[in-house]
């Protein structure tokens, strides 16, 4: 099974429906047992919805990459266990 770090890394592509079937299965398997990552998924969904509903232009790729990185490393700035 994948770990939390890998699960969080896959969230945006998962929400974009751009993951291949096997990585989707692995992510869903992880989400079935990890409450923390389910929270990350819900946060990502809410953030995407908020950004999609605003009149602001789309996020630049560099900013989106930075947000994904911050989500992946967690609140302490280091890798999640």
N, C-alpha and C. Protein backbone atom coordinates (compact mmCIF):
# COMPACT_ATOMS: atom_id res chain seq x y z
N UNK A 1 0.84 -1.18 0.00
CA UNK A 1 0.00 0.00 0.00
C UNK A 1 0.89 1.24 0.00
N UNK A 2 0.41 2.30 -0.66
CA UNK A 2 1.19 3.54 -0.70
C UNK A 2 1.12 4.23 0.66
N UNK A 3 2.09 5.11 0.91
CA UNK A 3 2.11 5.85 2.17
C UNK A 3 1.41 7.20 2.00
N UNK A 4 1.28 7.93 3.09
CA UNK A 4 0.57 9.21 3.07
C UNK A 4 1.22 10.21 2.12
N UNK A 5 2.51 10.24 2.11
CA UNK A 5 3.23 11.19 1.25
C UNK A 5 2.86 10.96 -0.22
N UNK A 6 2.87 9.71 -0.63
CA UNK A 6 2.53 9.37 -2.01
C UNK A 6 1.05 9.64 -2.28
N UNK A 7 0.20 9.36 -1.31
CA UNK A 7 -1.23 9.61 -1.47
C UNK A 7 -1.50 11.09 -1.71
N UNK A 8 -0.90 11.94 -0.89
CA UNK A 8 -1.10 13.38 -1.05
C UNK A 8 -0.55 13.86 -2.38
N UNK A 9 0.57 13.29 -2.82
CA UNK A 9 1.15 13.67 -4.11
C UNK A 9 0.18 13.36 -5.26
N UNK A 10 -0.62 12.34 -5.10
CA UNK A 10 -1.54 11.93 -6.16
C UNK A 10 -2.89 12.64 -6.13
N UNK A 11 -3.18 13.42 -5.10
CA UNK A 11 -4.52 13.99 -4.96
C UNK A 11 -4.93 14.89 -6.11
N UNK A 12 -4.09 15.82 -6.51
CA UNK A 12 -4.48 16.74 -7.59
C UNK A 12 -4.67 15.99 -8.91
N UNK A 13 -3.74 15.12 -9.31
CA UNK A 13 -4.00 14.35 -10.54
C UNK A 13 -5.25 13.49 -10.42
N UNK A 14 -5.52 12.96 -9.23
CA UNK A 14 -6.73 12.17 -9.01
C UNK A 14 -7.97 13.04 -9.24
N UNK A 15 -7.97 14.23 -8.69
CA UNK A 15 -9.11 15.13 -8.86
C UNK A 15 -9.24 15.61 -10.31
N UNK A 16 -8.14 15.65 -11.03
CA UNK A 16 -8.15 16.02 -12.45
C UNK A 16 -8.50 14.85 -13.35
N UNK A 17 -8.69 13.68 -12.77
CA UNK A 17 -8.94 12.44 -13.51
C UNK A 17 -7.82 12.14 -14.50
N UNK A 18 -6.59 12.41 -14.08
CA UNK A 18 -5.45 12.19 -14.98
C UNK A 18 -4.53 11.06 -14.50
N UNK A 19 -4.95 10.31 -13.49
CA UNK A 19 -4.16 9.16 -13.04
C UNK A 19 -4.57 7.92 -13.82
N UNK A 20 -3.61 7.05 -14.03
CA UNK A 20 -3.89 5.75 -14.63
C UNK A 20 -4.68 4.90 -13.64
N UNK A 21 -5.36 3.86 -14.12
CA UNK A 21 -6.20 3.05 -13.22
C UNK A 21 -5.48 2.47 -12.00
N UNK A 22 -4.29 1.92 -12.17
CA UNK A 22 -3.59 1.30 -11.03
C UNK A 22 -3.27 2.32 -9.93
N UNK A 23 -2.68 3.49 -10.26
CA UNK A 23 -2.45 4.48 -9.20
C UNK A 23 -3.75 4.94 -8.53
N UNK A 24 -4.85 5.00 -9.28
CA UNK A 24 -6.14 5.36 -8.69
C UNK A 24 -6.55 4.30 -7.67
N UNK A 25 -6.42 3.04 -8.05
CA UNK A 25 -6.76 1.93 -7.14
C UNK A 25 -5.93 2.00 -5.86
N UNK A 26 -4.63 2.24 -6.02
CA UNK A 26 -3.75 2.33 -4.85
C UNK A 26 -4.15 3.49 -3.95
N UNK A 27 -4.47 4.63 -4.55
CA UNK A 27 -4.89 5.79 -3.77
C UNK A 27 -6.20 5.50 -3.05
N UNK A 28 -7.16 4.93 -3.74
CA UNK A 28 -8.44 4.62 -3.11
C UNK A 28 -8.28 3.61 -1.99
N UNK A 29 -7.38 2.65 -2.16
CA UNK A 29 -7.09 1.68 -1.11
C UNK A 29 -6.55 2.39 0.13
N UNK A 30 -5.64 3.33 -0.08
CA UNK A 30 -5.07 4.11 1.02
C UNK A 30 -6.14 4.96 1.70
N UNK A 31 -6.96 5.62 0.90
CA UNK A 31 -8.00 6.49 1.46
C UNK A 31 -9.02 5.69 2.28
N UNK A 32 -9.20 4.43 1.96
CA UNK A 32 -10.16 3.60 2.69
C UNK A 32 -9.73 3.37 4.14
N UNK A 33 -8.45 3.55 4.43
CA UNK A 33 -7.96 3.29 5.79
C UNK A 33 -7.29 4.49 6.45
N UNK A 34 -7.11 5.59 5.74
CA UNK A 34 -6.37 6.74 6.29
C UNK A 34 -7.28 7.97 6.40
N UNK A 35 -7.68 8.25 7.61
CA UNK A 35 -8.56 9.39 7.85
C UNK A 35 -7.87 10.72 7.53
N UNK A 36 -6.59 10.83 7.83
CA UNK A 36 -5.86 12.08 7.58
C UNK A 36 -5.84 12.41 6.09
N UNK A 37 -5.57 11.42 5.27
CA UNK A 37 -5.53 11.67 3.83
C UNK A 37 -6.92 11.95 3.26
N UNK A 38 -7.95 11.36 3.87
CA UNK A 38 -9.32 11.69 3.46
C UNK A 38 -9.58 13.18 3.72
N UNK A 39 -9.07 13.69 4.83
CA UNK A 39 -9.18 15.12 5.12
C UNK A 39 -8.44 15.95 4.09
N UNK A 40 -7.26 15.49 3.69
CA UNK A 40 -6.49 16.20 2.65
C UNK A 40 -7.27 16.23 1.34
N UNK A 41 -7.92 15.10 1.02
CA UNK A 41 -8.71 15.03 -0.20
C UNK A 41 -9.87 16.02 -0.15
N UNK A 42 -10.57 16.07 0.98
CA UNK A 42 -11.69 17.00 1.12
C UNK A 42 -11.21 18.44 1.03
N UNK A 43 -10.07 18.74 1.68
CA UNK A 43 -9.51 20.09 1.60
C UNK A 43 -9.20 20.45 0.15
N UNK A 44 -8.58 19.52 -0.57
CA UNK A 44 -8.23 19.77 -1.97
C UNK A 44 -9.48 20.00 -2.82
N UNK A 45 -10.51 19.20 -2.58
CA UNK A 45 -11.78 19.39 -3.31
C UNK A 45 -12.37 20.77 -3.03
N UNK A 46 -12.38 21.15 -1.76
CA UNK A 46 -12.93 22.45 -1.38
C UNK A 46 -12.11 23.59 -2.00
N UNK A 47 -10.79 23.47 -1.95
CA UNK A 47 -9.92 24.49 -2.53
C UNK A 47 -10.16 24.62 -4.03
N UNK A 48 -10.25 23.49 -4.71
CA UNK A 48 -10.51 23.51 -6.16
C UNK A 48 -11.86 24.16 -6.45
N UNK A 49 -12.87 23.81 -5.66
CA UNK A 49 -14.19 24.40 -5.85
C UNK A 49 -14.19 25.89 -5.64
N UNK A 50 -13.49 26.33 -4.61
CA UNK A 50 -13.38 27.75 -4.32
C UNK A 50 -12.68 28.48 -5.46
N UNK A 51 -11.59 27.93 -5.92
CA UNK A 51 -10.85 28.56 -7.01
C UNK A 51 -11.65 28.57 -8.31
N UNK A 52 -12.40 27.50 -8.55
CA UNK A 52 -13.19 27.41 -9.78
C UNK A 52 -14.37 28.39 -9.75
N UNK A 53 -14.89 28.68 -8.57
CA UNK A 53 -16.07 29.54 -8.48
C UNK A 53 -15.72 31.02 -8.44
N UNK A 54 -14.47 31.35 -8.22
CA UNK A 54 -14.10 32.76 -8.14
C UNK A 54 -13.85 33.34 -9.52
N UNK A 55 -13.82 34.65 -9.57
CA UNK A 55 -13.57 35.33 -10.84
C UNK A 55 -12.07 35.49 -11.10
N UNK A 56 -11.27 34.98 -10.20
CA UNK A 56 -9.82 35.10 -10.35
C UNK A 56 -9.33 34.22 -11.50
N UNK A 57 -8.27 34.64 -12.17
CA UNK A 57 -7.70 33.81 -13.23
C UNK A 57 -7.14 32.52 -12.65
N UNK A 58 -6.93 31.50 -13.49
CA UNK A 58 -6.37 30.24 -12.99
C UNK A 58 -5.00 30.44 -12.36
N UNK A 59 -4.67 29.56 -11.44
CA UNK A 59 -3.37 29.62 -10.79
C UNK A 59 -2.26 29.35 -11.80
N UNK A 60 -1.18 30.12 -11.74
CA UNK A 60 -0.02 29.78 -12.57
C UNK A 60 0.53 28.42 -12.15
N UNK A 61 1.10 27.70 -13.10
CA UNK A 61 1.64 26.36 -12.82
C UNK A 61 2.63 26.38 -11.66
N UNK A 62 3.47 27.40 -11.59
CA UNK A 62 4.49 27.46 -10.53
C UNK A 62 3.83 27.58 -9.16
N UNK A 63 2.77 28.37 -9.03
CA UNK A 63 2.08 28.51 -7.77
C UNK A 63 1.37 27.21 -7.39
N UNK A 64 0.73 26.60 -8.37
CA UNK A 64 0.06 25.32 -8.11
C UNK A 64 1.07 24.27 -7.64
N UNK A 65 2.24 24.22 -8.30
CA UNK A 65 3.28 23.27 -7.89
C UNK A 65 3.74 23.53 -6.46
N UNK A 66 3.85 24.81 -6.10
CA UNK A 66 4.28 25.15 -4.74
C UNK A 66 3.24 24.72 -3.71
N UNK A 67 1.96 24.95 -4.01
CA UNK A 67 0.90 24.53 -3.11
C UNK A 67 0.92 23.01 -2.95
N UNK A 68 1.07 22.28 -4.06
CA UNK A 68 1.13 20.82 -3.99
C UNK A 68 2.31 20.37 -3.13
N UNK A 69 3.43 21.04 -3.30
CA UNK A 69 4.61 20.69 -2.50
C UNK A 69 4.35 20.92 -1.02
N UNK A 70 3.76 22.05 -0.68
CA UNK A 70 3.47 22.34 0.72
C UNK A 70 2.49 21.33 1.31
N UNK A 71 1.51 20.92 0.53
CA UNK A 71 0.58 19.90 0.99
C UNK A 71 1.29 18.57 1.21
N UNK A 72 2.25 18.27 0.35
CA UNK A 72 2.96 16.99 0.44
C UNK A 72 3.91 16.93 1.63
N UNK A 73 4.53 18.04 1.98
CA UNK A 73 5.52 18.02 3.07
C UNK A 73 4.88 18.20 4.44
N UNK A 74 3.66 18.66 4.49
CA UNK A 74 2.95 18.77 5.76
C UNK A 74 3.27 20.04 6.50
N UNK A 75 2.65 20.21 7.68
CA UNK A 75 2.75 21.46 8.42
C UNK A 75 4.12 21.78 8.96
N UNK A 76 4.96 20.79 9.24
CA UNK A 76 6.28 21.07 9.80
C UNK A 76 7.33 21.41 8.75
N UNK A 77 6.97 21.33 7.48
CA UNK A 77 7.91 21.63 6.43
C UNK A 77 8.77 20.46 6.01
N UNK A 78 8.68 19.36 6.74
CA UNK A 78 9.44 18.16 6.41
C UNK A 78 8.51 17.08 5.92
N UNK A 79 9.05 15.99 5.48
CA UNK A 79 8.20 14.90 4.98
C UNK A 79 7.32 14.33 6.08
N UNK A 80 6.14 13.91 5.69
CA UNK A 80 5.23 13.27 6.62
C UNK A 80 5.69 11.85 6.87
N UNK A 81 5.43 11.32 8.04
CA UNK A 81 5.83 9.94 8.32
C UNK A 81 5.07 8.95 7.49
